[in-house]
Amino acid sequence: MDKKPKLKVTLVTGRTIEQGAGKEYGKFSRKYGESVSTCYMDPEDMKKLAIRDRTNILVSTKYGSVVVKAAKSSRAPHPGIIYIPYGPWVNVLVDPETNSIGMPTLKGIPAEVEPAPDKPILSLEELLKQQFRKD
């Protein structure tokens, strides 16, 4: 049995210019979806996983798992840290508990990354149905 490599990382999230621009096209637009379903990784971490730029990966935390596209970070080196822009895909991975402040913790979340080249990135509609089980 061929075992896929896994990498323990720390997840950080925040805003990006691409995410903001994508929102102007609408949250159901392809431009927005692509901007927030991308995980920026240190190139050396990508080598450890034997993945190339734009390969699908599975990111998991104790709160959930989601398939996103890996991309080489232009801000490397930052081994062991991944960055996914604010959006519905990263929301799957963060603690929904806000501790009465209205915002979940969006930085420093323990996560695990593994290659998922055969798994699709869900559309926003598919992701919402999966998360909220509504048709």
N, C-alpha and C. Protein backbone atom coordinates (compact mmCIF):
# COMPACT_ATOMS: atom_id res chain seq x y z
N MET A 1 0.85 -1.18 0.00
CA MET A 1 0.00 0.00 0.00
C MET A 1 0.89 1.24 0.00
N ASP A 2 0.64 2.16 -0.92
CA ASP A 2 1.41 3.39 -1.05
C ASP A 2 0.84 4.44 -0.10
N LYS A 3 1.61 4.81 0.90
CA LYS A 3 1.14 5.78 1.88
C LYS A 3 1.55 7.19 1.47
N LYS A 4 0.58 8.12 1.43
CA LYS A 4 0.86 9.49 1.06
C LYS A 4 1.58 10.19 2.22
N PRO A 5 2.53 11.06 1.91
CA PRO A 5 3.18 11.80 2.97
C PRO A 5 2.22 12.83 3.58
N LYS A 6 2.40 13.10 4.86
CA LYS A 6 1.62 14.12 5.56
C LYS A 6 2.58 15.05 6.26
N LEU A 7 2.17 16.28 6.41
CA LEU A 7 3.02 17.28 7.04
C LEU A 7 2.22 18.04 8.08
N LYS A 8 2.73 18.10 9.30
CA LYS A 8 2.10 18.90 10.35
C LYS A 8 2.54 20.35 10.16
N VAL A 9 1.57 21.26 10.18
CA VAL A 9 1.82 22.67 9.92
C VAL A 9 0.98 23.53 10.86
N THR A 10 1.20 24.83 10.77
CA THR A 10 0.38 25.81 11.46
C THR A 10 -0.35 26.63 10.41
N LEU A 11 -1.67 26.70 10.54
CA LEU A 11 -2.51 27.45 9.61
C LEU A 11 -2.69 28.88 10.08
N VAL A 12 -2.50 29.80 9.14
CA VAL A 12 -2.75 31.23 9.36
C VAL A 12 -3.69 31.67 8.25
N THR A 13 -4.61 32.58 8.56
CA THR A 13 -5.51 33.10 7.54
C THR A 13 -5.61 34.61 7.66
N GLY A 14 -6.05 35.24 6.60
CA GLY A 14 -6.19 36.69 6.57
C GLY A 14 -6.66 37.13 5.20
N ARG A 15 -6.61 38.41 4.98
CA ARG A 15 -7.07 38.96 3.71
C ARG A 15 -5.94 39.03 2.69
N THR A 16 -6.33 38.97 1.40
CA THR A 16 -5.37 39.17 0.31
C THR A 16 -6.00 40.12 -0.70
N ILE A 17 -5.15 40.71 -1.52
CA ILE A 17 -5.65 41.59 -2.59
C ILE A 17 -6.52 40.78 -3.55
N GLU A 18 -6.08 39.55 -3.88
CA GLU A 18 -6.84 38.71 -4.82
C GLU A 18 -8.22 38.37 -4.26
N GLN A 19 -8.28 38.11 -2.95
CA GLN A 19 -9.56 37.80 -2.32
C GLN A 19 -10.49 39.01 -2.39
N GLY A 20 -9.96 40.19 -2.10
CA GLY A 20 -10.76 41.41 -2.16
C GLY A 20 -11.25 41.71 -3.56
N ALA A 21 -10.36 41.55 -4.53
CA ALA A 21 -10.75 41.78 -5.93
C ALA A 21 -11.78 40.74 -6.37
N GLY A 22 -11.59 39.50 -5.97
CA GLY A 22 -12.53 38.44 -6.33
C GLY A 22 -13.92 38.70 -5.80
N LYS A 23 -14.01 39.26 -4.59
CA LYS A 23 -15.32 39.57 -4.01
C LYS A 23 -16.10 40.56 -4.87
N GLU A 24 -15.39 41.44 -5.57
CA GLU A 24 -16.05 42.42 -6.43
C GLU A 24 -16.79 41.74 -7.58
N TYR A 25 -16.35 40.54 -7.96
CA TYR A 25 -17.03 39.77 -9.01
C TYR A 25 -18.19 38.96 -8.44
N GLY A 26 -18.28 38.87 -7.13
CA GLY A 26 -19.33 38.10 -6.46
C GLY A 26 -18.76 36.84 -5.84
N LYS A 27 -19.32 36.45 -4.70
CA LYS A 27 -18.79 35.29 -3.98
C LYS A 27 -19.03 33.97 -4.70
N PHE A 28 -19.89 33.96 -5.69
CA PHE A 28 -20.10 32.74 -6.46
C PHE A 28 -19.30 32.77 -7.77
N SER A 29 -18.47 33.78 -7.93
CA SER A 29 -17.68 33.87 -9.16
C SER A 29 -16.47 32.94 -9.09
N ARG A 30 -15.99 32.54 -10.25
CA ARG A 30 -14.80 31.69 -10.33
C ARG A 30 -13.59 32.42 -9.78
N LYS A 31 -13.48 33.70 -10.08
CA LYS A 31 -12.34 34.50 -9.61
C LYS A 31 -12.26 34.50 -8.09
N TYR A 32 -13.38 34.71 -7.42
CA TYR A 32 -13.39 34.70 -5.96
C TYR A 32 -13.07 33.30 -5.44
N GLY A 33 -13.73 32.29 -6.00
CA GLY A 33 -13.52 30.91 -5.53
C GLY A 33 -12.06 30.49 -5.62
N GLU A 34 -11.43 30.81 -6.73
CA GLU A 34 -10.02 30.45 -6.89
C GLU A 34 -9.13 31.22 -5.92
N SER A 35 -9.50 32.46 -5.61
CA SER A 35 -8.66 33.27 -4.72
C SER A 35 -8.70 32.79 -3.27
N VAL A 36 -9.79 32.16 -2.87
CA VAL A 36 -9.91 31.75 -1.46
C VAL A 36 -9.85 30.23 -1.26
N SER A 37 -9.63 29.49 -2.34
CA SER A 37 -9.47 28.04 -2.20
C SER A 37 -8.03 27.65 -2.55
N THR A 38 -7.10 28.55 -2.24
CA THR A 38 -5.68 28.34 -2.48
C THR A 38 -4.94 28.37 -1.15
N CYS A 39 -4.02 27.45 -0.99
CA CYS A 39 -3.20 27.36 0.22
C CYS A 39 -1.75 27.70 -0.17
N TYR A 40 -1.24 28.77 0.40
CA TYR A 40 0.14 29.18 0.11
C TYR A 40 1.08 28.46 1.07
N MET A 41 2.09 27.81 0.47
CA MET A 41 3.01 26.98 1.24
C MET A 41 4.45 27.35 0.95
N ASP A 42 5.32 27.07 1.90
CA ASP A 42 6.75 27.20 1.70
C ASP A 42 7.16 26.17 0.64
N PRO A 43 7.96 26.57 -0.35
CA PRO A 43 8.37 25.63 -1.40
C PRO A 43 9.08 24.38 -0.86
N GLU A 44 9.83 24.51 0.23
CA GLU A 44 10.50 23.34 0.81
C GLU A 44 9.49 22.36 1.41
N ASP A 45 8.41 22.88 1.99
CA ASP A 45 7.36 22.01 2.50
C ASP A 45 6.66 21.27 1.36
N MET A 46 6.51 21.95 0.23
CA MET A 46 5.90 21.30 -0.94
C MET A 46 6.79 20.15 -1.41
N LYS A 47 8.10 20.35 -1.37
CA LYS A 47 9.03 19.29 -1.75
C LYS A 47 8.89 18.09 -0.81
N LYS A 48 8.73 18.36 0.49
CA LYS A 48 8.57 17.27 1.46
C LYS A 48 7.34 16.42 1.15
N LEU A 49 6.31 17.06 0.62
CA LEU A 49 5.08 16.34 0.26
C LEU A 49 5.13 15.80 -1.17
N ALA A 50 6.19 16.11 -1.89
CA ALA A 50 6.35 15.68 -3.28
C ALA A 50 5.21 16.19 -4.16
N ILE A 51 4.85 17.47 -3.95
CA ILE A 51 3.79 18.09 -4.76
C ILE A 51 4.35 19.29 -5.51
N ARG A 52 3.68 19.59 -6.60
CA ARG A 52 4.04 20.74 -7.42
C ARG A 52 3.06 21.87 -7.18
N ASP A 53 3.43 23.04 -7.66
CA ASP A 53 2.55 24.19 -7.62
C ASP A 53 1.23 23.85 -8.33
N ARG A 54 0.12 24.25 -7.73
CA ARG A 54 -1.25 24.05 -8.25
C ARG A 54 -1.76 22.63 -8.09
N THR A 55 -1.12 21.82 -7.23
CA THR A 55 -1.61 20.47 -6.92
C THR A 55 -2.68 20.57 -5.84
N ASN A 56 -3.73 19.76 -5.94
CA ASN A 56 -4.74 19.72 -4.89
C ASN A 56 -4.16 19.04 -3.66
N ILE A 57 -4.49 19.62 -2.50
CA ILE A 57 -4.07 19.07 -1.21
C ILE A 57 -5.27 19.00 -0.29
N LEU A 58 -5.18 18.12 0.71
CA LEU A 58 -6.19 18.02 1.75
C LEU A 58 -5.60 18.66 2.99
N VAL A 59 -6.27 19.68 3.52
CA VAL A 59 -5.85 20.33 4.76
C VAL A 59 -6.86 19.93 5.83
N SER A 60 -6.35 19.46 6.97
CA SER A 60 -7.22 18.99 8.05
C SER A 60 -6.82 19.63 9.37
N THR A 61 -7.83 19.97 10.16
CA THR A 61 -7.64 20.42 11.54
C THR A 61 -8.62 19.62 12.38
N LYS A 62 -8.63 19.85 13.67
CA LYS A 62 -9.60 19.12 14.50
C LYS A 62 -11.03 19.58 14.25
N TYR A 63 -11.21 20.64 13.46
CA TYR A 63 -12.54 21.17 13.18
C TYR A 63 -13.10 20.69 11.85
N GLY A 64 -12.23 20.24 10.93
CA GLY A 64 -12.70 19.78 9.63
C GLY A 64 -11.58 19.61 8.64
N SER A 65 -11.95 19.20 7.44
CA SER A 65 -10.99 18.98 6.35
C SER A 65 -11.56 19.56 5.06
N VAL A 66 -10.65 20.06 4.21
CA VAL A 66 -11.08 20.64 2.94
C VAL A 66 -9.96 20.49 1.91
N VAL A 67 -10.37 20.28 0.66
CA VAL A 67 -9.42 20.21 -0.44
C VAL A 67 -9.27 21.61 -1.03
N VAL A 68 -8.01 22.03 -1.17
CA VAL A 68 -7.68 23.32 -1.77
C VAL A 68 -6.47 23.12 -2.69
N LYS A 69 -6.12 24.15 -3.41
CA LYS A 69 -4.98 24.10 -4.33
C LYS A 69 -3.74 24.64 -3.61
N ALA A 70 -2.64 23.90 -3.69
CA ALA A 70 -1.37 24.36 -3.11
C ALA A 70 -0.71 25.34 -4.08
N ALA A 71 -0.11 26.38 -3.52
CA ALA A 71 0.63 27.34 -4.33
C ALA A 71 1.90 27.72 -3.59
N LYS A 72 2.98 27.87 -4.34
CA LYS A 72 4.24 28.30 -3.73
C LYS A 72 4.09 29.72 -3.21
N SER A 73 4.45 29.91 -1.97
CA SER A 73 4.37 31.23 -1.36
C SER A 73 5.52 32.10 -1.84
N SER A 74 5.21 33.32 -2.20
CA SER A 74 6.25 34.27 -2.61
C SER A 74 6.90 34.91 -1.38
N ARG A 75 6.38 34.60 -0.20
CA ARG A 75 6.91 35.18 1.03
C ARG A 75 7.78 34.21 1.82
N ALA A 76 8.20 33.14 1.17
CA ALA A 76 9.05 32.14 1.83
C ALA A 76 10.40 32.77 2.16
N PRO A 77 11.13 32.22 3.09
CA PRO A 77 10.86 30.94 3.75
C PRO A 77 9.98 31.12 5.00
N HIS A 78 9.10 30.17 5.18
CA HIS A 78 8.28 30.06 6.39
C HIS A 78 7.87 28.60 6.57
N PRO A 79 8.87 27.73 6.77
CA PRO A 79 8.58 26.30 6.89
C PRO A 79 7.58 26.03 8.01
N GLY A 80 6.67 25.11 7.71
CA GLY A 80 5.70 24.69 8.71
C GLY A 80 4.52 25.62 8.88
N ILE A 81 4.43 26.66 8.05
CA ILE A 81 3.30 27.59 8.13
C ILE A 81 2.61 27.63 6.78
N ILE A 82 1.28 27.46 6.79
CA ILE A 82 0.49 27.59 5.56
C ILE A 82 -0.45 28.78 5.72
N TYR A 83 -0.85 29.34 4.60
CA TYR A 83 -1.73 30.51 4.60
C TYR A 83 -2.86 30.27 3.61
N ILE A 84 -4.10 30.38 4.11
CA ILE A 84 -5.28 30.29 3.25
C ILE A 84 -6.08 31.57 3.47
N PRO A 85 -6.41 32.33 2.41
CA PRO A 85 -7.16 33.57 2.58
C PRO A 85 -8.54 33.34 3.20
N TYR A 86 -9.03 34.38 3.89
CA TYR A 86 -10.38 34.33 4.43
C TYR A 86 -11.36 33.88 3.36
N GLY A 87 -12.29 33.03 3.73
CA GLY A 87 -13.32 32.58 2.81
C GLY A 87 -13.95 31.30 3.30
N PRO A 88 -14.92 30.80 2.57
CA PRO A 88 -15.66 29.61 2.98
C PRO A 88 -14.79 28.36 3.15
N TRP A 89 -13.73 28.20 2.35
CA TRP A 89 -12.91 27.00 2.45
C TRP A 89 -12.13 26.98 3.76
N VAL A 90 -11.54 28.10 4.15
CA VAL A 90 -10.80 28.12 5.42
C VAL A 90 -11.76 28.07 6.61
N ASN A 91 -13.00 28.53 6.43
CA ASN A 91 -13.96 28.48 7.53
C ASN A 91 -14.22 27.05 7.99
N VAL A 92 -14.05 26.10 7.08
CA VAL A 92 -14.21 24.68 7.43
C VAL A 92 -13.14 24.27 8.46
N LEU A 93 -12.01 24.95 8.45
CA LEU A 93 -10.85 24.53 9.23
C LEU A 93 -10.69 25.25 10.58
N VAL A 94 -11.42 26.34 10.79
CA VAL A 94 -11.25 27.10 12.03
C VAL A 94 -12.32 26.74 13.05
N ASP A 95 -11.99 26.97 14.31
CA ASP A 95 -12.91 26.71 15.42
C ASP A 95 -14.13 27.63 15.29
N PRO A 96 -15.34 27.09 15.22
CA PRO A 96 -16.52 27.94 15.09
C PRO A 96 -16.83 28.70 16.38
N GLU A 97 -16.23 28.30 17.48
CA GLU A 97 -16.47 29.00 18.76
C GLU A 97 -15.77 30.35 18.73
N THR A 98 -16.53 31.40 19.06
CA THR A 98 -15.95 32.75 19.04
C THR A 98 -15.68 33.30 20.44
N ASN A 99 -16.00 32.52 21.46
CA ASN A 99 -15.76 32.96 22.84
C ASN A 99 -16.36 34.34 23.12
N SER A 100 -17.55 34.56 22.58
CA SER A 100 -18.34 35.77 22.81
C SER A 100 -17.75 37.04 22.22
N ILE A 101 -16.78 36.93 21.31
CA ILE A 101 -16.23 38.14 20.70
C ILE A 101 -16.66 38.30 19.24
N GLY A 102 -17.34 37.31 18.70
CA GLY A 102 -17.87 37.41 17.35
C GLY A 102 -16.91 37.03 16.24
N MET A 103 -15.65 36.73 16.56
CA MET A 103 -14.66 36.33 15.56
C MET A 103 -13.97 35.07 16.03
N PRO A 104 -13.87 34.07 15.16
CA PRO A 104 -13.12 32.88 15.55
C PRO A 104 -11.61 33.16 15.54
N THR A 105 -10.85 32.27 16.14
CA THR A 105 -9.40 32.37 16.09
C THR A 105 -8.96 32.04 14.67
N LEU A 106 -8.21 32.93 14.05
CA LEU A 106 -7.84 32.77 12.65
C LEU A 106 -6.35 32.60 12.43
N LYS A 107 -5.60 32.51 13.49
CA LYS A 107 -4.15 32.39 13.39
C LYS A 107 -3.65 31.27 14.31
N GLY A 108 -2.59 30.60 13.90
CA GLY A 108 -1.94 29.62 14.77
C GLY A 108 -2.70 28.34 14.99
N ILE A 109 -3.42 27.86 13.99
CA ILE A 109 -4.24 26.66 14.12
C ILE A 109 -3.43 25.43 13.70
N PRO A 110 -3.25 24.45 14.58
CA PRO A 110 -2.54 23.22 14.18
C PRO A 110 -3.30 22.52 13.05
N ALA A 111 -2.57 22.11 12.03
CA ALA A 111 -3.19 21.48 10.86
C ALA A 111 -2.26 20.42 10.29
N GLU A 112 -2.81 19.64 9.38
CA GLU A 112 -2.04 18.63 8.68
C GLU A 112 -2.36 18.75 7.19
N VAL A 113 -1.33 18.61 6.36
CA VAL A 113 -1.49 18.72 4.91
C VAL A 113 -1.04 17.42 4.27
N GLU A 114 -1.78 16.96 3.27
CA GLU A 114 -1.37 15.79 2.50
C GLU A 114 -1.78 15.98 1.04
N PRO A 115 -1.05 15.37 0.13
CA PRO A 115 -1.41 15.46 -1.28
C PRO A 115 -2.80 14.86 -1.53
N ALA A 116 -3.55 15.48 -2.42
CA ALA A 116 -4.88 14.97 -2.79
C ALA A 116 -5.13 15.24 -4.27
N PRO A 117 -4.21 14.81 -5.14
CA PRO A 117 -4.34 15.15 -6.56
C PRO A 117 -5.59 14.58 -7.22
N ASP A 118 -6.17 13.54 -6.65
CA ASP A 118 -7.36 12.92 -7.24
C ASP A 118 -8.66 13.41 -6.62
N LYS A 119 -8.57 14.30 -5.63
CA LYS A 119 -9.78 14.82 -4.99
C LYS A 119 -10.08 16.21 -5.54
N PRO A 120 -11.34 16.50 -5.83
CA PRO A 120 -11.69 17.80 -6.39
C PRO A 120 -11.84 18.88 -5.32
N ILE A 121 -11.62 20.11 -5.74
CA ILE A 121 -11.97 21.25 -4.90
C ILE A 121 -13.45 21.48 -5.11
N LEU A 122 -14.21 21.50 -4.04
CA LEU A 122 -15.65 21.69 -4.16
C LEU A 122 -15.97 23.11 -4.58
N SER A 123 -17.03 23.26 -5.37
CA SER A 123 -17.54 24.60 -5.68
C SER A 123 -18.13 25.17 -4.39
N LEU A 124 -18.39 26.47 -4.38
CA LEU A 124 -18.99 27.07 -3.19
C LEU A 124 -20.33 26.42 -2.87
N GLU A 125 -21.14 26.16 -3.89
CA GLU A 125 -22.43 25.52 -3.67
C GLU A 125 -22.25 24.13 -3.04
N GLU A 126 -21.31 23.34 -3.57
CA GLU A 126 -21.06 22.00 -3.03
C GLU A 126 -20.53 22.07 -1.60
N LEU A 127 -19.64 23.02 -1.35
CA LEU A 127 -19.08 23.18 -0.02
C LEU A 127 -20.15 23.53 1.00
N LEU A 128 -21.03 24.44 0.64
CA LEU A 128 -22.11 24.84 1.55
C LEU A 128 -23.06 23.67 1.82
N LYS A 129 -23.39 22.92 0.78
CA LYS A 129 -24.26 21.75 0.98
C LYS A 129 -23.58 20.74 1.88
N GLN A 130 -22.28 20.50 1.67
CA GLN A 130 -21.54 19.54 2.51
C GLN A 130 -21.53 20.00 3.97
N GLN A 131 -21.29 21.27 4.19
CA GLN A 131 -21.14 21.78 5.55
C GLN A 131 -22.47 21.94 6.27
N PHE A 132 -23.51 22.31 5.54
CA PHE A 132 -24.79 22.59 6.18
C PHE A 132 -25.88 21.59 5.84
N ARG A 133 -25.55 20.61 4.96
CA ARG A 133 -26.47 19.52 4.60
C ARG A 133 -27.83 20.03 4.13
N LYS A 134 -27.81 21.12 3.35
CA LYS A 134 -29.06 21.66 2.82
C LYS A 134 -29.08 21.53 1.31
N ASP A 135 -30.21 21.14 0.76
CA ASP A 135 -30.37 21.04 -0.70
C ASP A 135 -31.13 22.23 -1.24
